[in-house]
């Protein structure tokens, strides 16, 4: 019998330890993915298509959910109905029916006025005033200027405060970028095979496995008592009791490590009764006042006075992060964590390709890095991939024509999702850089 220990010096012991570490790592990733999926299941009763796609990268999904939840539900200067209505306005710029319907339903849940959903003209003047900066950030962010910020902050009954405007801008950029991910991943059509959680689902069951064909849903019981529909508290199900125990252990472990309280917050609310999914089909065109306004090539623009945005003069790390954090507490940390997580995801094609994708997207929006050789973009990104990136970034709207398929046929699903996540986060940062620079110029003027 051969016993492998950590102190073995010969190759067999080293190999055993390496295999053991790999198995533990895979097990940990699956555990994290399962926990995140169950959080989404318990909070909404089903796993939405966006979370299904992002679950290929649990370490990123955790960061995204924390940021998304903070922007829409946690403390902030904007009331909850305003937040969801701004999300509707942002998604409508790309005619993303998936997000428009989702936030329309949530808008009503938090007490929003149903009359506002009749169209942008039915919304309060303060929200209508955001329409111009919304379309500029969505399609030509380099047009964002100090005058746009000044017009929104000018004195008057319908003016915005600086803190409110920063949260609104973050929401707009977040939902613009998320629209790109929704279309690129096919999440705009919520798959019908993702049902609500059946009663009696075994603990640890994850709909990510069901969506990939790796698990089966237990057949529903046909007893008369279970055929009768009834409302039921999530606390009474055994799977949530198991989930509670797992979350409690995870939180205790985080506290022992001394992590910040924000990182230990969970999106799970197990004391909320299960309710039927509210479906609110809204026409995105109602919230789009200028459908003809769209993306134009930055390199071929006629306006010579718009100069290239040089990251050496204004960057996220040195300028945008601190300004966002100062005017909207903790959002800088949450956004920065998303940027770091997506660029740190493992890729078999190496970090050079990830940087080429990121810088190519920024280049399309007029953002340049002086220390980067843009010849690498043409070397590392084949023409088909560049067309796909440009289509998802600049023309995600399905009404403008079908998206170019991702040209790498042998790509695994996780790698395809990784490319789409890079596109989403690079676009998000580009919009934030232009908006925060304009706010900075207003503040120092």
Protein backbone atom coordinates (compact mmCIF):
# COMPACT_ATOMS: atom_id res chain seq x y z
CA UNK A 1 0.00 0.00 0.00
CA UNK A 2 1.29 3.47 -0.91
CA UNK A 3 0.37 6.27 1.44
CA UNK A 4 0.65 9.79 0.07
CA UNK A 5 1.34 12.53 2.59
CA UNK A 6 2.08 16.22 2.31
CA UNK A 7 5.66 15.70 3.47
CA UNK A 8 6.60 13.20 0.74
CA UNK A 9 9.56 14.41 -1.28
CA UNK A 10 9.42 11.95 -4.14
CA UNK A 11 7.39 12.62 -7.32
CA UNK A 12 4.49 10.30 -6.49
CA UNK A 13 3.63 12.24 -3.35
CA UNK A 14 3.79 15.53 -5.21
CA UNK A 15 1.53 14.18 -7.95
CA UNK A 16 -1.01 12.86 -5.43
CA UNK A 17 -1.10 16.20 -3.66
CA UNK A 18 -1.56 18.04 -6.96
CA UNK A 19 -4.47 15.80 -7.94
CA UNK A 20 -6.03 16.22 -4.50
CA UNK A 21 -5.78 20.02 -4.74
CA UNK A 22 -7.39 20.00 -8.18
CA UNK A 23 -10.27 17.84 -6.96
CA UNK A 24 -10.81 20.11 -3.97
CA UNK A 25 -10.77 23.18 -6.23
CA UNK A 26 -13.35 21.71 -8.62
CA UNK A 27 -15.53 20.67 -5.69
CA UNK A 28 -15.31 24.16 -4.20
CA UNK A 29 -16.31 25.79 -7.50
CA UNK A 30 -19.31 23.49 -7.89
CA UNK A 31 -20.34 24.20 -4.30
CA UNK A 32 -20.15 27.94 -4.91
CA UNK A 33 -22.13 27.70 -8.16
CA UNK A 34 -24.79 25.58 -6.47
CA UNK A 35 -25.11 28.02 -3.56
CA UNK A 36 -25.43 31.04 -5.86
CA UNK A 37 -28.04 29.26 -7.97
CA UNK A 38 -30.05 28.37 -4.88
CA UNK A 39 -29.94 31.99 -3.70
CA UNK A 40 -31.49 33.11 -6.97
CA UNK A 41 -34.01 30.28 -6.83
CA UNK A 42 -35.09 31.10 -3.29
CA UNK A 43 -35.39 34.84 -3.93
CA UNK A 44 -37.36 34.64 -7.20
CA UNK A 45 -38.71 31.08 -7.29
CA UNK A 46 -36.79 30.38 -10.47
CA UNK A 47 -33.36 30.89 -11.96
CA UNK A 48 -33.32 33.62 -14.59
CA UNK A 49 -31.50 33.12 -17.87
CA UNK A 50 -28.79 35.69 -17.09
CA UNK A 51 -27.79 33.90 -13.88
CA UNK A 52 -27.77 30.58 -15.71
CA UNK A 53 -25.22 31.90 -18.18
CA UNK A 54 -23.03 33.62 -15.60
CA UNK A 55 -23.05 30.53 -13.39
CA UNK A 56 -20.33 29.12 -15.66
CA UNK A 57 -18.06 31.49 -13.70
CA UNK A 58 -19.23 31.41 -10.05
CA UNK A 59 -16.49 33.73 -8.80
CA UNK A 60 -17.70 36.43 -11.19
CA UNK A 61 -21.41 35.71 -10.67
CA UNK A 62 -21.06 36.35 -6.94
CA UNK A 63 -19.49 39.75 -7.60
CA UNK A 64 -22.11 40.66 -10.22
CA UNK A 65 -25.07 39.70 -8.02
CA UNK A 66 -23.68 41.69 -5.09
CA UNK A 67 -23.25 44.81 -7.23
CA UNK A 68 -26.59 44.39 -9.03
CA UNK A 69 -28.43 43.96 -5.73
CA UNK A 70 -26.70 46.95 -4.16
CA UNK A 71 -27.56 49.29 -7.04
CA UNK A 72 -31.23 48.31 -7.22
CA UNK A 73 -32.18 47.42 -3.64
CA UNK A 74 -29.74 48.72 -1.02
CA UNK A 75 -29.32 52.18 0.51
CA UNK A 76 -28.93 54.98 -1.99
CA UNK A 77 -30.17 58.48 -2.80
CA UNK A 78 -32.77 57.34 -5.36
CA UNK A 79 -36.12 55.80 -4.33
CA UNK A 80 -36.70 52.23 -5.50
CA UNK A 81 -39.34 53.05 -8.17
CA UNK A 82 -36.96 55.57 -9.73
CA UNK A 83 -34.19 52.97 -9.92
CA UNK A 84 -36.29 50.43 -11.80
CA UNK A 85 -37.72 53.08 -14.10
CA UNK A 86 -34.21 54.26 -14.99
CA UNK A 87 -33.32 50.62 -15.71
CA UNK A 88 -36.34 50.45 -18.04
CA UNK A 89 -35.19 53.59 -19.85
CA UNK A 90 -31.68 52.19 -20.27
CA UNK A 91 -32.81 48.79 -21.57
CA UNK A 92 -35.28 50.44 -23.95
CA UNK A 93 -32.43 52.15 -25.80
CA UNK A 94 -31.50 48.70 -27.14
CA UNK A 95 -35.09 47.43 -27.31
CA UNK A 96 -34.24 44.77 -24.74
CA UNK A 97 -37.72 43.45 -23.98
CA UNK A 98 -36.32 40.98 -21.45
CA UNK A 99 -34.96 43.69 -19.13
CA UNK A 100 -37.81 46.12 -19.81
CA UNK A 101 -40.40 43.53 -18.78
CA UNK A 102 -38.35 42.40 -15.78
CA UNK A 103 -37.90 45.89 -14.36
CA UNK A 104 -41.47 46.89 -15.20
CA UNK A 105 -42.66 44.07 -12.95
CA UNK A 106 -40.23 45.04 -10.20
CA UNK A 107 -41.22 48.70 -10.60
CA UNK A 108 -44.81 47.77 -9.76
CA UNK A 109 -43.73 45.53 -6.86
CA UNK A 110 -41.94 48.39 -5.10
CA UNK A 111 -44.96 50.69 -5.41
CA UNK A 112 -44.32 52.44 -8.72
CA UNK A 113 -47.15 54.31 -10.42
CA UNK A 114 -48.59 52.09 -13.21
CA UNK A 115 -49.33 55.20 -15.27
CA UNK A 116 -45.60 55.77 -15.74
CA UNK A 117 -45.41 52.53 -17.73
CA UNK A 118 -47.62 54.02 -20.43
CA UNK A 119 -44.53 55.69 -21.82
CA UNK A 120 -41.75 58.16 -21.17
CA UNK A 121 -44.11 61.11 -21.57
CA UNK A 122 -46.09 59.83 -18.54
CA UNK A 123 -43.05 59.86 -16.25
CA UNK A 124 -42.15 62.79 -13.96
CA UNK A 125 -40.09 65.60 -15.54
CA UNK A 126 -37.00 64.65 -13.51
CA UNK A 127 -36.88 61.23 -15.14
CA UNK A 128 -37.64 62.60 -18.60
CA UNK A 129 -34.66 64.94 -18.23
CA UNK A 130 -32.41 61.85 -18.13
CA UNK A 131 -33.46 60.82 -21.63
CA UNK A 132 -30.73 62.76 -23.44
CA UNK A 133 -27.79 61.54 -21.37
CA UNK A 134 -29.32 58.05 -21.54
CA UNK A 135 -29.16 57.89 -25.33
CA UNK A 136 -25.74 59.56 -25.47
CA UNK A 137 -24.17 57.09 -23.03
CA UNK A 138 -25.83 54.14 -24.76
CA UNK A 139 -24.63 54.92 -28.28
CA UNK A 140 -22.03 57.74 -28.37
CA UNK A 141 -20.61 58.19 -24.88
CA UNK A 142 -17.82 60.45 -26.14
CA UNK A 143 -20.49 63.17 -26.60
CA UNK A 144 -21.05 63.32 -22.82
CA UNK A 145 -19.96 66.74 -21.64
CA UNK A 146 -20.00 69.07 -18.66
CA UNK A 147 -23.02 70.88 -20.14
CA UNK A 148 -25.13 67.71 -19.84
CA UNK A 149 -24.27 67.44 -16.16
CA UNK A 150 -24.88 71.14 -15.58
CA UNK A 151 -28.32 70.96 -17.21
CA UNK A 152 -29.38 68.18 -14.83
CA UNK A 153 -27.94 69.83 -11.72
CA UNK A 154 -29.17 73.37 -12.38
CA UNK A 155 -31.28 74.98 -9.69
CA UNK A 156 -34.99 74.39 -9.92
CA UNK A 157 -37.78 72.17 -8.71
CA UNK A 158 -36.87 69.28 -11.03
CA UNK A 159 -33.10 69.35 -10.56
CA UNK A 160 -30.96 66.39 -9.52
CA UNK A 161 -28.48 66.27 -6.68
CA UNK A 162 -24.94 65.16 -7.44
CA UNK A 163 -25.35 61.92 -5.47
CA UNK A 164 -28.62 61.09 -7.24
CA UNK A 165 -27.07 61.73 -10.64
CA UNK A 166 -24.11 59.45 -9.95
CA UNK A 167 -26.41 56.59 -8.99
CA UNK A 168 -28.55 57.24 -12.07
CA UNK A 169 -25.49 57.23 -14.34
CA UNK A 170 -24.23 53.98 -12.80
CA UNK A 171 -27.67 52.43 -13.34
CA UNK A 172 -27.81 53.56 -16.97
CA UNK A 173 -24.35 52.22 -17.79
CA UNK A 174 -25.02 48.98 -15.89
CA UNK A 175 -28.22 48.26 -17.83
CA UNK A 176 -26.79 49.30 -21.21
CA UNK A 177 -23.96 46.81 -20.74
CA UNK A 178 -26.29 44.15 -19.37
CA UNK A 179 -28.45 44.49 -22.49
CA UNK A 180 -25.42 43.54 -24.57
CA UNK A 181 -24.93 40.43 -22.45
CA UNK A 182 -28.62 39.50 -22.64
CA UNK A 183 -28.63 39.56 -26.44
CA UNK A 184 -25.22 37.92 -26.89
CA UNK A 185 -26.00 35.02 -24.56
CA UNK A 186 -29.52 34.45 -25.84
CA UNK A 187 -30.96 35.31 -22.43
CA UNK A 188 -33.59 37.57 -24.03
CA UNK A 189 -35.75 34.46 -24.38
CA UNK A 190 -36.24 33.00 -20.93
CA UNK A 191 -36.10 29.23 -21.50
CA UNK A 192 -39.42 27.50 -20.81
CA UNK A 193 -37.61 24.47 -19.41
CA UNK A 194 -36.65 26.51 -16.34
CA UNK A 195 -39.71 25.97 -14.14
CA UNK A 196 -40.45 27.25 -10.69
CA UNK A 197 -38.94 25.26 -7.87
CA UNK A 198 -41.00 22.09 -7.46
CA UNK A 199 -41.95 21.24 -3.91
CA UNK A 200 -39.73 18.50 -2.58
CA UNK A 201 -36.72 19.32 -4.75
CA UNK A 202 -33.74 17.56 -3.15
CA UNK A 203 -31.24 19.72 -1.23
CA UNK A 204 -28.30 20.93 -3.31
CA UNK A 205 -30.27 20.70 -6.56
CA UNK A 206 -29.12 23.36 -9.03
CA UNK A 207 -30.97 24.41 -12.15
CA UNK A 208 -27.63 25.05 -13.85
CA UNK A 209 -27.33 21.27 -14.08
CA UNK A 210 -30.88 20.94 -15.34
CA UNK A 211 -30.29 23.51 -18.05
CA UNK A 212 -27.22 21.59 -19.19
CA UNK A 213 -28.93 18.21 -19.17
CA UNK A 214 -26.88 16.91 -16.23
CA UNK A 215 -29.76 16.47 -13.83
CA UNK A 216 -33.39 15.57 -13.85
CA UNK A 217 -36.24 17.19 -12.00
CA UNK A 218 -38.13 14.73 -9.84
CA UNK A 219 -41.63 14.09 -11.18
CA UNK A 220 -44.33 16.02 -9.36
CA UNK A 221 -46.58 14.15 -7.01
CA UNK A 222 -50.09 13.43 -8.21
CA UNK A 223 -51.78 13.19 -4.84
CA UNK A 224 -54.93 15.31 -4.49
CA UNK A 225 -53.40 17.41 -1.75
CA UNK A 226 -50.50 18.44 -3.96
CA UNK A 227 -52.66 19.06 -7.01
CA UNK A 228 -54.44 21.80 -5.09
CA UNK A 229 -52.55 25.08 -5.51
CA UNK A 230 -51.71 26.76 -2.25
CA UNK A 231 -49.41 29.49 -1.01
CA UNK A 232 -46.54 28.25 1.05
CA UNK A 233 -43.74 29.88 2.99
CA UNK A 234 -40.22 29.16 1.80
CA UNK A 235 -39.25 28.51 5.41
CA UNK A 236 -41.29 25.31 5.44
CA UNK A 237 -39.28 23.55 2.73
CA UNK A 238 -36.48 21.24 3.73
CA UNK A 239 -34.19 22.42 0.94
CA UNK A 240 -34.21 25.99 2.23
CA UNK A 241 -33.46 24.75 5.74
CA UNK A 242 -30.42 23.03 4.31
CA UNK A 243 -29.54 26.17 2.38
CA UNK A 244 -29.80 28.27 5.53
CA UNK A 245 -27.33 26.03 7.29
CA UNK A 246 -24.87 26.24 4.41
CA UNK A 247 -25.16 30.03 4.18
CA UNK A 248 -24.68 30.36 7.95
CA UNK A 249 -21.51 28.28 7.78
CA UNK A 250 -20.23 30.35 4.87
CA UNK A 251 -20.91 33.59 6.71
CA UNK A 252 -19.17 32.34 9.86
CA UNK A 253 -16.14 31.40 7.82
CA UNK A 254 -16.05 34.86 6.22
CA UNK A 255 -16.30 36.53 9.61
CA UNK A 256 -13.35 34.50 10.86
CA UNK A 257 -11.34 35.78 7.94
CA UNK A 258 -12.22 39.34 8.92
CA UNK A 259 -13.92 40.28 5.66
CA UNK A 260 -15.99 43.40 5.46
CA UNK A 261 -19.67 43.27 6.31
CA UNK A 262 -20.60 44.20 2.76
CA UNK A 263 -18.96 41.07 1.39
CA UNK A 264 -20.93 38.87 3.76
CA UNK A 265 -24.33 40.20 2.75
CA UNK A 266 -26.55 37.67 1.07
CA UNK A 267 -29.27 38.13 -1.49
CA UNK A 268 -31.40 35.48 0.14
CA UNK A 269 -34.58 36.45 1.94
CA UNK A 270 -36.07 33.23 3.22
CA UNK A 271 -38.89 34.84 5.18
CA UNK A 272 -40.69 36.00 2.04
CA UNK A 273 -43.68 33.92 1.02
CA UNK A 274 -43.61 32.29 -2.38
CA UNK A 275 -45.76 34.19 -4.84
CA UNK A 276 -46.72 33.81 -8.46
CA UNK A 277 -44.31 35.37 -10.93
CA UNK A 278 -45.58 38.74 -12.03
CA UNK A 279 -45.36 39.04 -15.77
CA UNK A 280 -45.41 42.54 -17.15
CA UNK A 281 -44.96 42.71 -20.90
CA UNK A 282 -43.96 46.27 -21.80
CA UNK A 283 -43.18 47.69 -25.23
CA UNK A 284 -39.63 49.13 -25.15
CA UNK A 285 -40.49 51.67 -27.86
CA UNK A 286 -42.69 53.51 -25.34
CA UNK A 287 -39.56 54.60 -23.48
CA UNK A 288 -37.45 55.48 -26.53
CA UNK A 289 -38.00 59.08 -27.62
CA UNK A 290 -35.38 59.06 -30.40
CA UNK A 291 -35.15 55.61 -32.04
CA UNK A 292 -33.06 56.94 -34.93
CA UNK A 293 -30.20 57.93 -32.64
CA UNK A 294 -27.59 55.15 -32.70
CA UNK A 295 -23.92 54.31 -32.72
CA UNK A 296 -21.59 56.06 -35.15
CA UNK A 297 -18.00 55.17 -35.90
CA UNK A 298 -15.80 57.23 -33.60
CA UNK A 299 -12.89 57.05 -36.05
CA UNK A 300 -15.08 58.35 -38.92
CA UNK A 301 -16.93 61.10 -37.08
CA UNK A 302 -17.26 64.52 -38.70
CA UNK A 303 -16.78 66.50 -35.49
CA UNK A 304 -13.07 67.20 -35.22
CA UNK A 305 -13.35 68.79 -31.78
CA UNK A 306 -13.98 65.43 -30.09
CA UNK A 307 -10.56 64.21 -29.11
CA UNK A 308 -9.41 60.75 -28.18
CA UNK A 309 -9.97 59.85 -24.53
CA UNK A 310 -6.53 59.03 -23.14
CA UNK A 311 -6.56 56.74 -20.12
CA UNK A 312 -3.31 58.29 -18.93
CA UNK A 313 -5.24 61.54 -18.37
CA UNK A 314 -8.34 60.04 -16.73
CA UNK A 315 -8.50 56.41 -15.64
CA UNK A 316 -10.84 54.29 -13.57
CA UNK A 317 -8.13 53.35 -11.08
CA UNK A 318 -6.82 56.87 -10.44
CA UNK A 319 -9.91 59.03 -10.93
CA UNK A 320 -13.24 57.30 -11.60
CA UNK A 321 -13.03 54.86 -8.68
CA UNK A 322 -12.50 57.51 -6.01
CA UNK A 323 -15.13 59.89 -7.41
CA UNK A 324 -17.80 57.18 -7.64
CA UNK A 325 -17.02 55.97 -4.13
CA UNK A 326 -17.15 59.49 -2.70
CA UNK A 327 -20.53 60.39 -4.21
CA UNK A 328 -22.15 56.94 -4.01
CA UNK A 329 -20.80 55.04 -1.02
CA UNK A 330 -19.16 51.65 -1.72
CA UNK A 331 -20.17 51.50 -5.40
CA UNK A 332 -16.57 52.05 -6.45
CA UNK A 333 -15.46 48.94 -4.56
CA UNK A 334 -18.28 46.84 -6.02
CA UNK A 335 -17.64 47.94 -9.60
CA UNK A 336 -13.89 47.54 -9.22
CA UNK A 337 -14.40 44.01 -7.94
CA UNK A 338 -16.40 43.18 -11.08
CA UNK A 339 -13.67 44.55 -13.36
CA UNK A 340 -10.98 42.62 -11.51
CA UNK A 341 -12.94 39.37 -11.37
CA UNK A 342 -13.75 39.30 -15.08
CA UNK A 343 -10.17 40.00 -16.14
CA UNK A 344 -8.85 37.41 -13.67
CA UNK A 345 -11.02 34.58 -15.00
CA UNK A 346 -8.85 31.76 -16.37
CA UNK A 347 -8.61 31.58 -20.14
CA UNK A 348 -6.83 28.89 -22.18
CA UNK A 349 -5.95 31.54 -24.76
CA UNK A 350 -3.94 33.63 -22.33
CA UNK A 351 -4.15 37.16 -20.88
CA UNK A 352 -3.03 38.85 -24.11
CA UNK A 353 -6.29 37.94 -25.83
CA UNK A 354 -8.37 39.26 -22.93
CA UNK A 355 -6.52 42.56 -23.00
CA UNK A 356 -6.92 42.78 -26.79
CA UNK A 357 -10.70 42.33 -26.47
CA UNK A 358 -10.92 44.91 -23.67
CA UNK A 359 -8.81 47.53 -25.47
CA UNK A 360 -10.57 46.94 -28.80
CA UNK A 361 -13.94 47.70 -27.19
CA UNK A 362 -12.57 50.86 -25.58
CA UNK A 363 -11.04 51.86 -28.90
CA UNK A 364 -14.47 51.73 -30.58
CA UNK A 365 -15.61 54.30 -28.01
CA UNK A 366 -12.58 56.55 -28.54
CA UNK A 367 -10.60 55.42 -25.48
CA UNK A 368 -6.90 54.77 -26.05
CA UNK A 369 -4.01 53.40 -23.99
CA UNK A 370 -0.65 54.99 -24.81
CA UNK A 371 1.28 51.99 -23.48
CA UNK A 372 -0.53 49.42 -25.66
CA UNK A 373 0.49 48.24 -29.13
CA UNK A 374 -2.79 48.18 -31.07
CA UNK A 375 -1.16 46.02 -33.70
CA UNK A 376 -1.82 43.13 -31.31
CA UNK A 377 -5.56 43.59 -31.82
CA UNK A 378 -5.30 42.59 -35.48
CA UNK A 379 -2.86 39.80 -34.64
CA UNK A 380 -4.91 38.23 -31.85
CA UNK A 381 -8.48 38.94 -32.95
CA UNK A 382 -9.51 37.38 -36.23
CA UNK A 383 -11.94 39.28 -38.41
CA UNK A 384 -14.95 37.17 -37.43
CA UNK A 385 -14.32 37.72 -33.73
CA UNK A 386 -13.92 41.47 -34.23
CA UNK A 387 -17.25 41.60 -36.07
CA UNK A 388 -18.90 39.70 -33.23
CA UNK A 389 -17.44 42.01 -30.56
CA UNK A 390 -18.48 45.12 -32.46
CA UNK A 391 -21.97 43.76 -33.06
CA UNK A 392 -22.54 42.91 -29.39
CA UNK A 393 -21.00 46.15 -28.14
CA UNK A 394 -22.45 48.70 -30.54
CA UNK A 395 -25.50 47.04 -32.12
CA UNK A 396 -26.92 44.56 -29.59
CA UNK A 397 -30.48 45.47 -30.54
CA UNK A 398 -31.99 42.46 -32.28
CA UNK A 399 -34.19 44.74 -34.42
CA UNK A 400 -31.07 46.06 -36.18
CA UNK A 401 -30.31 42.61 -37.57
CA UNK A 402 -29.10 39.24 -36.24
CA UNK A 403 -25.94 39.18 -34.19
CA UNK A 404 -22.86 37.73 -35.84
CA UNK A 405 -22.22 34.26 -34.37
CA UNK A 406 -19.12 33.78 -32.28
CA UNK A 407 -16.64 32.38 -34.84
CA UNK A 408 -14.78 29.99 -32.53
CA UNK A 409 -16.70 26.78 -33.08
CA UNK A 410 -14.58 24.66 -30.70
CA UNK A 411 -15.08 27.11 -27.83
CA UNK A 412 -16.53 25.59 -24.68
CA UNK A 413 -19.68 27.21 -23.23
CA UNK A 414 -17.68 28.71 -20.35
CA UNK A 415 -15.26 30.36 -22.81
CA UNK A 416 -18.11 31.86 -24.85
CA UNK A 417 -19.67 33.29 -21.70
CA UNK A 418 -16.26 34.65 -20.71
CA UNK A 419 -16.02 36.60 -23.98
CA UNK A 420 -19.52 38.02 -23.45
CA UNK A 421 -18.65 39.02 -19.88
CA UNK A 422 -15.53 40.83 -21.07
CA UNK A 423 -17.63 42.74 -23.60
CA UNK A 424 -20.18 43.70 -20.95
CA UNK A 425 -17.64 44.91 -18.38
CA UNK A 426 -15.45 46.77 -20.88
CA UNK A 427 -18.48 48.60 -22.21
CA UNK A 428 -19.64 49.40 -18.67
CA UNK A 429 -16.27 50.90 -17.77
CA UNK A 430 -16.13 52.93 -20.99
CA UNK A 431 -19.49 54.60 -20.29
CA UNK A 432 -18.55 55.25 -16.67
CA UNK A 433 -15.26 56.87 -17.67
CA UNK A 434 -16.98 59.40 -19.92
CA UNK A 435 -19.77 60.15 -17.44
CA UNK A 436 -17.49 60.48 -14.42
CA UNK A 437 -15.03 62.65 -16.34
CA UNK A 438 -17.88 65.02 -17.26
CA UNK A 439 -18.95 65.16 -13.60
CA UNK A 440 -15.36 65.89 -12.59
CA UNK A 441 -15.16 68.72 -15.12
CA UNK A 442 -18.39 70.17 -13.73
CA UNK A 443 -17.11 70.01 -10.16
CA UNK A 444 -13.81 71.77 -10.88
CA UNK A 445 -15.26 74.40 -13.24
